[in-house]
N, C-alpha and C. Protein backbone atom coordinates (compact mmCIF):
# COMPACT_ATOMS: atom_id res chain seq x y z
N UNK A 1 153.59 98.17 97.60
CA UNK A 1 152.79 98.06 98.84
C UNK A 1 153.43 98.25 100.30
N UNK A 2 154.42 97.58 100.25
CA UNK A 2 155.33 97.78 101.47
C UNK A 2 155.92 99.21 101.58
N UNK A 3 156.07 99.67 100.61
CA UNK A 3 156.83 100.72 100.68
C UNK A 3 155.95 101.95 101.09
N UNK A 4 154.66 102.09 100.63
CA UNK A 4 153.48 102.77 100.92
C UNK A 4 153.32 102.78 102.48
N UNK A 5 153.49 101.50 102.93
CA UNK A 5 153.06 101.36 104.36
C UNK A 5 154.05 101.79 105.06
N UNK A 6 155.47 101.85 104.68
CA UNK A 6 156.36 102.25 105.43
C UNK A 6 156.49 103.92 105.54
N UNK A 7 156.32 104.34 104.43
CA UNK A 7 156.12 105.88 104.33
C UNK A 7 154.80 106.27 105.34
N UNK A 8 153.76 105.76 105.36
CA UNK A 8 152.61 106.17 105.92
C UNK A 8 153.05 105.86 107.48
N UNK A 9 153.58 104.91 107.74
CA UNK A 9 154.03 104.44 109.32
C UNK A 9 155.04 105.59 109.67
N UNK A 10 155.99 105.90 108.75
CA UNK A 10 157.02 106.99 109.16
C UNK A 10 156.18 108.15 109.38
N UNK A 11 155.30 108.80 108.40
CA UNK A 11 154.69 110.02 108.87
C UNK A 11 153.69 109.90 110.02
N UNK A 12 153.03 108.83 110.26
CA UNK A 12 152.37 108.78 111.53
C UNK A 12 153.04 108.81 113.00
N UNK A 13 154.36 108.48 112.77
CA UNK A 13 155.05 108.29 113.90
C UNK A 13 155.78 109.80 114.04
N UNK A 14 155.56 110.85 113.43
CA UNK A 14 155.98 111.92 113.70
C UNK A 14 155.44 112.31 115.25
N UNK A 15 156.39 113.13 116.01
CA UNK A 15 155.85 113.76 116.99
C UNK A 15 154.73 114.92 116.79
N UNK A 16 153.84 115.11 118.02
CA UNK A 16 152.65 115.96 117.74
C UNK A 16 153.24 117.28 117.32
N UNK A 17 154.50 117.96 117.77
CA UNK A 17 155.10 119.04 117.30
C UNK A 17 155.38 119.24 115.98
N UNK A 18 155.81 118.06 115.16
CA UNK A 18 156.08 118.17 113.89
C UNK A 18 154.81 118.25 113.12
N UNK A 19 153.56 117.64 113.73
CA UNK A 19 152.49 117.81 112.91
C UNK A 19 151.85 119.39 112.86
N UNK A 20 152.09 119.75 114.11
CA UNK A 20 151.65 121.19 114.05
C UNK A 20 152.55 122.37 113.14
N UNK A 21 153.75 121.88 112.82
CA UNK A 21 154.45 122.49 112.00
C UNK A 21 154.20 122.42 110.61
N UNK A 22 153.78 121.13 110.08
CA UNK A 22 153.28 120.65 108.84
C UNK A 22 152.01 121.57 108.68
N UNK A 23 151.20 121.56 109.73
CA UNK A 23 149.85 122.05 109.42
C UNK A 23 149.89 123.54 109.33
N UNK A 24 150.86 124.16 109.94
CA UNK A 24 150.77 125.77 110.12
C UNK A 24 152.05 126.18 108.98
N UNK A 25 152.64 125.28 108.12
CA UNK A 25 153.70 125.81 107.44
C UNK A 25 153.25 126.65 106.34
N UNK A 26 153.31 128.05 106.57
CA UNK A 26 152.96 129.11 105.31
C UNK A 26 151.58 129.01 104.95
N UNK A 27 151.16 130.03 104.16
CA UNK A 27 150.01 130.19 103.59
C UNK A 27 150.05 129.33 102.24
N UNK A 28 150.77 129.67 101.67
CA UNK A 28 150.93 128.94 100.34
C UNK A 28 150.12 129.78 99.25
N UNK A 29 149.79 129.16 98.14
CA UNK A 29 149.20 130.07 97.12
C UNK A 29 147.90 129.03 96.54
N UNK A 30 146.85 129.73 95.96
CA UNK A 30 145.84 129.14 95.17
C UNK A 30 146.56 128.91 94.05
N UNK A 31 146.34 127.51 93.45
CA UNK A 31 146.74 127.51 92.07
C UNK A 31 145.34 127.09 91.22
N UNK A 32 144.98 127.85 90.40
CA UNK A 32 143.59 127.66 89.56
C UNK A 32 143.86 127.26 88.16
N UNK A 33 142.99 125.91 88.04
CA UNK A 33 143.29 125.26 86.77
C UNK A 33 142.04 125.21 86.06
N UNK A 34 141.62 125.42 84.97
CA UNK A 34 140.39 125.65 84.21
C UNK A 34 140.82 125.07 82.80
N UNK A 35 139.71 123.81 82.67
CA UNK A 35 139.96 123.35 81.22
C UNK A 35 138.33 123.51 80.44
N UNK A 36 138.53 123.71 79.18
CA UNK A 36 137.43 123.85 78.18
C UNK A 36 137.61 122.84 77.21
N UNK A 37 136.48 122.47 76.81
CA UNK A 37 136.42 121.64 75.37
C UNK A 37 135.50 122.40 74.34
N UNK A 38 135.89 122.29 73.06
CA UNK A 38 135.07 123.17 72.12
C UNK A 38 133.40 122.91 71.97
N UNK A 39 132.70 123.81 71.84
CA UNK A 39 131.42 123.63 71.35
C UNK A 39 131.24 122.61 70.46
N UNK A 40 130.38 121.70 70.03
CA UNK A 40 130.26 121.03 68.90
C UNK A 40 130.44 121.97 67.73
N UNK A 41 129.68 122.75 67.52
CA UNK A 41 129.42 123.70 66.26
C UNK A 41 131.20 124.07 66.02
N UNK A 42 131.77 124.26 67.07
CA UNK A 42 133.08 125.04 67.09
C UNK A 42 134.27 123.96 66.77
N UNK A 43 134.06 122.68 67.02
CA UNK A 43 135.28 121.76 66.94
C UNK A 43 136.07 121.79 65.47
N UNK A 44 137.37 122.31 65.91
CA UNK A 44 138.31 122.36 64.63
C UNK A 44 138.16 123.79 64.11
N UNK A 45 137.28 124.72 64.37
CA UNK A 45 137.13 126.01 63.86
C UNK A 45 137.48 127.20 64.92
N UNK A 46 137.75 126.96 66.18
CA UNK A 46 138.19 127.87 67.26
C UNK A 46 139.53 127.75 67.53
N UNK A 47 140.29 128.89 67.60
CA UNK A 47 141.56 129.06 68.22
C UNK A 47 141.51 129.70 69.58
N UNK A 48 141.73 128.92 70.50
CA UNK A 48 141.83 129.31 71.88
C UNK A 48 142.82 130.62 72.15
N UNK A 49 142.42 131.62 72.80
CA UNK A 49 143.53 132.56 73.08
C UNK A 49 144.63 132.12 73.97
N UNK A 50 145.97 132.85 73.98
CA UNK A 50 146.79 132.47 74.74
C UNK A 50 146.75 132.54 76.12
N UNK A 51 145.92 133.66 76.23
CA UNK A 51 145.65 134.38 77.85
C UNK A 51 144.17 134.72 77.99
N UNK A 52 143.45 134.42 78.92
CA UNK A 52 142.18 134.84 79.29
C UNK A 52 142.39 135.78 80.47
N UNK A 53 141.32 136.61 80.63
CA UNK A 53 141.31 137.74 81.77
C UNK A 53 140.07 137.65 82.80
N UNK A 54 140.47 137.84 84.09
CA UNK A 54 139.14 137.96 84.94
C UNK A 54 138.97 136.76 85.96
N UNK A 55 137.95 136.64 86.45
CA UNK A 55 137.51 135.54 87.52
C UNK A 55 137.25 134.43 86.83
N UNK A 56 137.01 133.30 87.47
CA UNK A 56 136.66 132.07 87.04
C UNK A 56 135.32 132.36 86.15
N UNK A 57 134.30 133.14 86.42
CA UNK A 57 133.18 133.20 85.73
C UNK A 57 133.49 134.06 84.48
N UNK A 58 134.31 135.05 84.46
CA UNK A 58 134.64 136.13 83.54
C UNK A 58 135.33 135.33 82.39
N UNK A 59 136.41 134.47 83.08
CA UNK A 59 136.97 133.45 82.15
C UNK A 59 136.20 132.61 81.12
N UNK A 60 135.33 131.96 81.93
CA UNK A 60 134.27 131.16 81.37
C UNK A 60 133.57 131.93 80.31
N UNK A 61 132.85 133.16 80.60
CA UNK A 61 132.03 133.83 79.90
C UNK A 61 132.81 134.61 78.51
N UNK A 62 133.92 134.47 78.69
CA UNK A 62 134.78 134.98 77.40
C UNK A 62 134.68 133.90 76.32
N UNK A 63 134.57 132.85 76.60
CA UNK A 63 134.63 131.75 75.65
C UNK A 63 133.22 131.35 75.12
N UNK A 64 131.99 131.97 75.79
CA UNK A 64 130.84 131.59 75.70
C UNK A 64 130.52 131.50 73.92
N UNK A 65 129.58 130.43 73.77
CA UNK A 65 129.56 129.89 72.49
C UNK A 65 130.57 129.22 71.47
N UNK A 66 131.83 129.51 72.08
CA UNK A 66 132.84 128.68 71.29
C UNK A 66 133.43 127.41 72.19
N UNK A 67 133.32 127.69 73.38
CA UNK A 67 134.09 126.53 74.15
C UNK A 67 133.28 126.48 75.59
N UNK A 68 133.31 125.36 76.10
CA UNK A 68 132.49 125.04 77.54
C UNK A 68 133.34 124.82 78.40
N UNK A 69 133.01 125.10 79.64
CA UNK A 69 133.97 124.86 80.80
C UNK A 69 134.10 123.26 80.96
N UNK A 70 135.08 122.52 81.17
CA UNK A 70 135.14 121.00 81.23
C UNK A 70 135.31 120.72 82.74
N UNK A 71 136.56 121.13 83.29
CA UNK A 71 136.83 120.71 84.66
C UNK A 71 137.51 122.16 85.20
N UNK A 72 137.30 122.15 86.57
CA UNK A 72 138.17 123.26 87.16
C UNK A 72 138.58 122.94 88.77
N UNK A 73 139.87 123.40 89.16
CA UNK A 73 140.17 123.03 90.48
C UNK A 73 140.76 124.57 91.01
N UNK A 74 140.67 124.72 92.70
CA UNK A 74 141.13 125.87 93.02
C UNK A 74 141.60 125.51 94.38
N UNK A 75 142.57 124.64 94.13
CA UNK A 75 143.25 124.25 95.67
C UNK A 75 144.01 125.34 96.60
N UNK A 76 143.69 125.27 97.65
CA UNK A 76 144.53 126.31 98.61
C UNK A 76 145.84 125.81 99.06
N UNK A 77 146.50 126.82 99.31
CA UNK A 77 147.75 126.53 100.17
C UNK A 77 148.79 125.67 99.60
N UNK A 78 148.70 125.80 98.31
CA UNK A 78 149.88 124.84 97.43
C UNK A 78 151.28 125.49 97.91
N UNK A 79 152.16 124.55 98.01
CA UNK A 79 153.66 124.67 98.39
C UNK A 79 154.39 124.15 97.24
N UNK A 80 155.51 124.61 96.97
CA UNK A 80 156.82 123.96 95.96
C UNK A 80 156.60 122.65 96.30
N UNK A 81 156.36 121.68 94.98
CA UNK A 81 156.29 120.49 95.02
C UNK A 81 154.93 119.58 95.02
N UNK A 82 153.86 120.32 95.31
CA UNK A 82 152.89 120.07 95.47
C UNK A 82 151.98 119.60 94.18
N UNK A 83 151.32 118.40 94.11
CA UNK A 83 150.73 117.87 93.02
C UNK A 83 149.04 118.38 92.75
N UNK A 84 148.51 118.77 91.81
CA UNK A 84 147.32 119.23 91.64
C UNK A 84 146.73 118.33 90.52
N UNK A 85 145.60 117.65 90.87
CA UNK A 85 144.91 116.72 90.03
C UNK A 85 143.60 117.20 89.55
N UNK A 86 143.33 117.30 88.24
CA UNK A 86 142.21 117.77 87.73
C UNK A 86 141.72 116.42 86.95
N UNK A 87 140.45 116.12 87.31
CA UNK A 87 140.01 114.90 86.64
C UNK A 87 138.26 115.06 86.62
N UNK A 88 137.92 114.59 85.45
CA UNK A 88 136.52 114.26 85.21
C UNK A 88 136.27 113.51 84.36
N UNK A 89 134.92 112.61 84.20
CA UNK A 89 134.76 111.90 83.11
C UNK A 89 132.98 112.03 83.16
N UNK A 90 132.72 112.45 81.94
CA UNK A 90 131.12 112.52 81.76
C UNK A 90 130.60 111.52 80.70
N UNK A 91 129.87 110.72 81.08
CA UNK A 91 129.22 109.78 80.24
C UNK A 91 127.98 110.15 79.83
N UNK A 92 127.49 110.43 78.58
CA UNK A 92 126.31 111.04 78.16
C UNK A 92 125.81 110.31 77.16
N UNK A 93 124.85 110.94 76.53
CA UNK A 93 123.97 110.53 75.32
C UNK A 93 124.34 111.57 74.01
N UNK A 94 124.52 111.15 73.05
CA UNK A 94 124.43 111.98 71.89
C UNK A 94 123.13 112.34 71.52
N UNK A 95 122.67 113.30 70.66
CA UNK A 95 121.26 113.60 70.14
C UNK A 95 120.56 112.23 69.62
N UNK A 96 121.28 111.32 69.11
CA UNK A 96 120.65 110.15 68.35
C UNK A 96 120.47 109.13 69.68
N UNK A 97 120.90 109.34 70.76
CA UNK A 97 120.60 108.48 71.91
C UNK A 97 121.73 107.57 72.02
N UNK A 98 122.90 107.47 71.21
CA UNK A 98 123.85 106.76 71.64
C UNK A 98 124.96 107.25 72.56
N UNK A 99 125.84 106.56 73.32
CA UNK A 99 126.50 106.92 74.24
C UNK A 99 128.01 107.78 73.73
N UNK A 100 128.07 108.83 74.57
CA UNK A 100 129.37 109.33 74.40
C UNK A 100 130.13 109.63 75.67
N UNK A 101 131.31 109.57 75.56
CA UNK A 101 132.26 109.80 76.86
C UNK A 101 133.49 110.78 76.74
N UNK A 102 133.43 111.80 77.53
CA UNK A 102 134.44 113.00 77.43
C UNK A 102 135.09 112.84 78.77
N UNK A 103 136.46 112.79 79.10
CA UNK A 103 137.04 112.77 80.12
C UNK A 103 138.37 113.64 79.97
N UNK A 104 139.04 113.90 81.32
CA UNK A 104 140.32 114.65 81.34
C UNK A 104 140.82 114.34 82.70
N UNK A 105 142.22 113.80 82.96
CA UNK A 105 142.85 113.33 83.99
C UNK A 105 144.20 113.97 83.81
N UNK A 106 144.32 115.01 84.72
CA UNK A 106 145.70 115.72 84.55
C UNK A 106 146.50 115.58 86.06
N UNK A 107 147.66 115.31 85.72
CA UNK A 107 148.44 115.38 87.14
C UNK A 107 149.62 116.54 86.87
N UNK A 108 149.33 117.43 87.65
CA UNK A 108 150.26 118.84 87.41
C UNK A 108 151.22 118.72 88.78
N UNK A 109 152.41 119.06 88.49
CA UNK A 109 153.30 119.56 89.80
C UNK A 109 153.45 121.23 89.73
N UNK A 110 153.40 121.70 90.90
CA UNK A 110 153.38 122.88 91.16
C UNK A 110 154.73 123.37 91.84
N UNK A 111 155.45 124.18 91.24
CA UNK A 111 156.99 124.65 91.86
C UNK A 111 156.75 126.30 91.97
N UNK A 112 157.67 126.59 93.08
CA UNK A 112 157.66 128.10 93.15
C UNK A 112 159.12 128.36 93.83
N UNK A 113 159.94 129.05 93.10
CA UNK A 113 161.46 129.29 93.28
C UNK A 113 161.77 130.78 92.77
N UNK A 114 162.32 131.57 93.98
CA UNK A 114 162.52 133.02 93.35
C UNK A 114 161.53 133.84 93.21
N UNK A 115 160.25 133.72 93.48
CA UNK A 115 159.31 134.41 93.03
C UNK A 115 158.51 133.95 91.81
N UNK A 116 159.02 132.89 91.31
CA UNK A 116 158.44 132.50 90.07
C UNK A 116 157.53 131.15 90.15
N UNK A 117 156.15 131.06 89.59
CA UNK A 117 155.53 130.11 89.86
C UNK A 117 155.64 129.22 88.57
N UNK A 118 155.86 127.86 88.53
CA UNK A 118 155.42 126.96 87.39
C UNK A 118 154.72 125.81 87.64
N UNK A 119 154.14 125.27 86.70
CA UNK A 119 153.40 124.05 86.74
C UNK A 119 153.66 123.40 85.51
N UNK A 120 153.71 122.10 85.57
CA UNK A 120 153.98 121.07 84.37
C UNK A 120 153.43 119.72 84.89
N UNK A 121 153.38 118.94 83.83
CA UNK A 121 152.78 117.42 84.10
C UNK A 121 152.22 116.78 82.82
N UNK A 122 151.37 116.07 82.99
CA UNK A 122 150.66 115.34 82.05
C UNK A 122 149.11 115.12 82.19
N UNK A 123 148.64 115.45 81.10
CA UNK A 123 146.96 115.34 80.90
C UNK A 123 146.48 114.29 79.86
N UNK A 124 145.77 113.25 80.32
CA UNK A 124 145.10 112.33 79.16
C UNK A 124 143.65 112.86 79.06
N UNK A 125 143.29 112.91 77.69
CA UNK A 125 142.04 113.49 77.05
C UNK A 125 141.33 112.18 76.62
N UNK A 126 140.24 112.02 76.99
CA UNK A 126 139.34 111.02 76.18
C UNK A 126 138.26 111.72 75.60
N UNK A 127 138.10 111.53 74.36
CA UNK A 127 136.50 111.60 73.74
C UNK A 127 136.02 110.61 72.86
N UNK A 128 134.98 110.22 73.15
CA UNK A 128 134.49 108.81 72.45
C UNK A 128 133.18 108.75 72.37
N UNK A 129 132.76 108.69 70.95
CA UNK A 129 131.44 108.78 70.36
C UNK A 129 131.42 107.48 69.43
N UNK A 130 130.07 107.28 68.99
CA UNK A 130 129.79 105.92 68.35
C UNK A 130 130.77 105.80 66.86
N UNK A 131 131.14 107.20 66.58
CA UNK A 131 131.98 107.16 65.52
C UNK A 131 133.27 107.57 65.54
N UNK A 132 133.97 107.84 66.84
CA UNK A 132 135.02 108.27 66.91
C UNK A 132 135.76 107.94 68.40
N UNK A 133 136.66 107.73 68.58
CA UNK A 133 137.24 107.30 70.15
C UNK A 133 138.97 107.65 70.00
N UNK A 134 139.13 108.93 70.57
CA UNK A 134 140.36 109.32 70.98
C UNK A 134 140.99 109.52 72.34
N UNK A 135 142.03 108.98 72.48
CA UNK A 135 142.51 108.91 73.70
C UNK A 135 143.90 109.23 73.87
N UNK A 136 144.31 110.55 74.25
CA UNK A 136 145.54 111.32 74.22
C UNK A 136 146.22 111.67 75.11
N UNK A 137 147.63 111.34 75.72
CA UNK A 137 148.25 111.80 76.56
C UNK A 137 149.06 113.15 76.11
N UNK A 138 148.94 114.08 76.85
CA UNK A 138 149.65 115.22 76.30
C UNK A 138 150.74 115.75 77.61
N UNK A 139 151.87 115.93 77.26
CA UNK A 139 152.76 116.44 78.38
C UNK A 139 152.92 117.87 78.34
N UNK A 140 152.93 118.23 79.52
CA UNK A 140 152.85 119.85 79.71
C UNK A 140 154.19 120.24 80.29
N UNK A 141 155.15 120.65 79.41
CA UNK A 141 156.46 120.97 79.97
C UNK A 141 156.29 122.32 81.03
N UNK A 142 157.16 122.33 81.93
CA UNK A 142 156.84 123.48 83.12
C UNK A 142 156.71 124.74 82.45
N UNK A 143 155.71 125.40 82.75
CA UNK A 143 155.24 126.68 82.21
C UNK A 143 155.09 127.65 83.34
N UNK A 144 155.73 128.97 83.39
CA UNK A 144 155.70 129.96 84.27
C UNK A 144 154.21 130.64 84.03
N UNK A 145 153.64 130.54 85.24
CA UNK A 145 152.24 131.20 85.32
C UNK A 145 152.16 132.50 85.94
N UNK A 146 151.16 133.30 85.32
CA UNK A 146 151.00 134.78 86.16
C UNK A 146 150.43 134.57 87.45
N UNK A 147 151.05 135.35 88.38
CA UNK A 147 150.52 135.57 89.73
C UNK A 147 149.97 136.81 89.77
N UNK A 148 148.93 136.91 90.60
CA UNK A 148 148.26 138.19 90.98
C UNK A 148 147.13 137.94 91.96
N UNK A 149 146.54 138.96 91.82
CA UNK A 149 145.21 138.61 92.86
C UNK A 149 143.94 138.13 92.15
N UNK A 150 142.88 137.59 93.04
CA UNK A 150 142.03 136.95 92.34
C UNK A 150 140.83 138.29 91.80
N UNK A 151 139.78 137.46 91.00
CA UNK A 151 138.82 138.42 90.59
C UNK A 151 138.98 139.09 89.18
N UNK A 152 138.54 140.25 89.04
CA UNK A 152 138.58 140.54 87.48
C UNK A 152 139.99 141.11 87.01
N UNK A 153 141.02 141.04 87.84
CA UNK A 153 142.37 141.29 87.34
C UNK A 153 143.25 140.10 86.98
N UNK A 154 142.40 138.83 87.37
CA UNK A 154 143.32 137.60 87.35
C UNK A 154 143.72 137.51 85.58
N UNK A 155 144.67 136.75 85.34
CA UNK A 155 145.36 136.43 84.17
C UNK A 155 145.30 134.88 84.27
N UNK A 156 144.82 134.33 83.10
CA UNK A 156 144.91 132.90 83.08
C UNK A 156 145.69 132.73 81.68
N UNK A 157 146.94 131.85 81.81
CA UNK A 157 147.78 131.45 80.78
C UNK A 157 147.25 130.06 80.59
N UNK A 158 147.29 129.94 78.94
CA UNK A 158 146.94 128.55 78.38
C UNK A 158 148.23 127.71 78.45
N UNK A 159 148.07 126.59 79.23
CA UNK A 159 149.22 125.79 79.39
C UNK A 159 149.13 124.58 78.60
N UNK A 160 147.94 124.33 78.03
CA UNK A 160 147.87 123.09 76.93
C UNK A 160 146.75 123.31 75.95
N UNK A 161 147.05 122.81 74.85
CA UNK A 161 146.06 122.49 73.94
C UNK A 161 146.28 121.36 73.13
N UNK A 162 145.48 120.54 73.01
CA UNK A 162 145.24 119.28 72.27
C UNK A 162 144.47 119.56 71.03
N UNK A 163 144.98 119.83 69.84
CA UNK A 163 144.40 120.16 68.76
C UNK A 163 143.63 118.90 68.31
N UNK A 164 143.79 117.60 68.45
CA UNK A 164 142.88 116.75 68.03
C UNK A 164 141.53 116.54 68.85
N UNK A 165 141.42 116.86 70.06
CA UNK A 165 140.21 116.81 70.83
C UNK A 165 139.55 118.17 71.17
N UNK A 166 140.69 119.27 70.80
CA UNK A 166 140.19 120.37 71.10
C UNK A 166 140.03 121.01 72.40
N UNK A 167 140.62 120.25 73.33
CA UNK A 167 140.68 120.46 74.79
C UNK A 167 141.71 121.54 74.94
N UNK A 168 141.59 122.65 75.65
CA UNK A 168 142.41 123.50 76.15
C UNK A 168 142.48 123.50 77.91
N UNK A 169 143.58 123.86 78.57
CA UNK A 169 143.76 124.10 79.84
C UNK A 169 144.59 125.39 80.21
N UNK A 170 143.88 126.13 80.97
CA UNK A 170 144.47 127.26 81.40
C UNK A 170 144.80 127.37 83.09
N UNK A 171 145.72 128.26 83.47
CA UNK A 171 145.94 128.23 84.74
C UNK A 171 146.52 129.38 85.36
N UNK A 172 146.40 129.70 86.45
CA UNK A 172 147.09 131.06 87.48
C UNK A 172 147.35 130.99 88.85
N UNK A 173 147.84 131.87 89.33
CA UNK A 173 148.26 131.81 90.65
C UNK A 173 147.75 132.89 91.33
N UNK A 174 147.00 132.70 92.55
CA UNK A 174 146.75 133.95 93.29
C UNK A 174 147.62 133.91 94.44
N UNK A 175 148.29 135.31 94.45
CA UNK A 175 149.33 135.41 95.61
C UNK A 175 148.71 136.17 96.78
């Protein structure tokens, strides 16, 4: 706690000119992250492709009937060393009225060096029903992401697949 307060105090003590430099430091990149979980009828029967193409909507449509979007982020102005958090938790009811819980919590670090964009980190995936309770931590080793323009020409690379839950995570970078 003391360390956090010290860091905060140091940041707040920066002169106004330094704040202006931090706020205007380059435009950065959009790092898009999109996760899916399999449709119940497809669990264990569907192999996610290594790459998806198109906009957010087109990528989602390409998996229609096989997997459904679970969580997504589109953070702007990402710079080397920035952290991306992808998190959702959905508590709901099964068809028989019993509780179920699906969640994902990813902490990913973005790096850019010599024109190469990479992301890596850790994701925790939770799927719980009355019959099964799975909680998994998956390490994502740094993966080089495709970079390009947004929209129909975008390429999404699968950066994580957890076989036990069927959750997959894809990412790309907009330049």
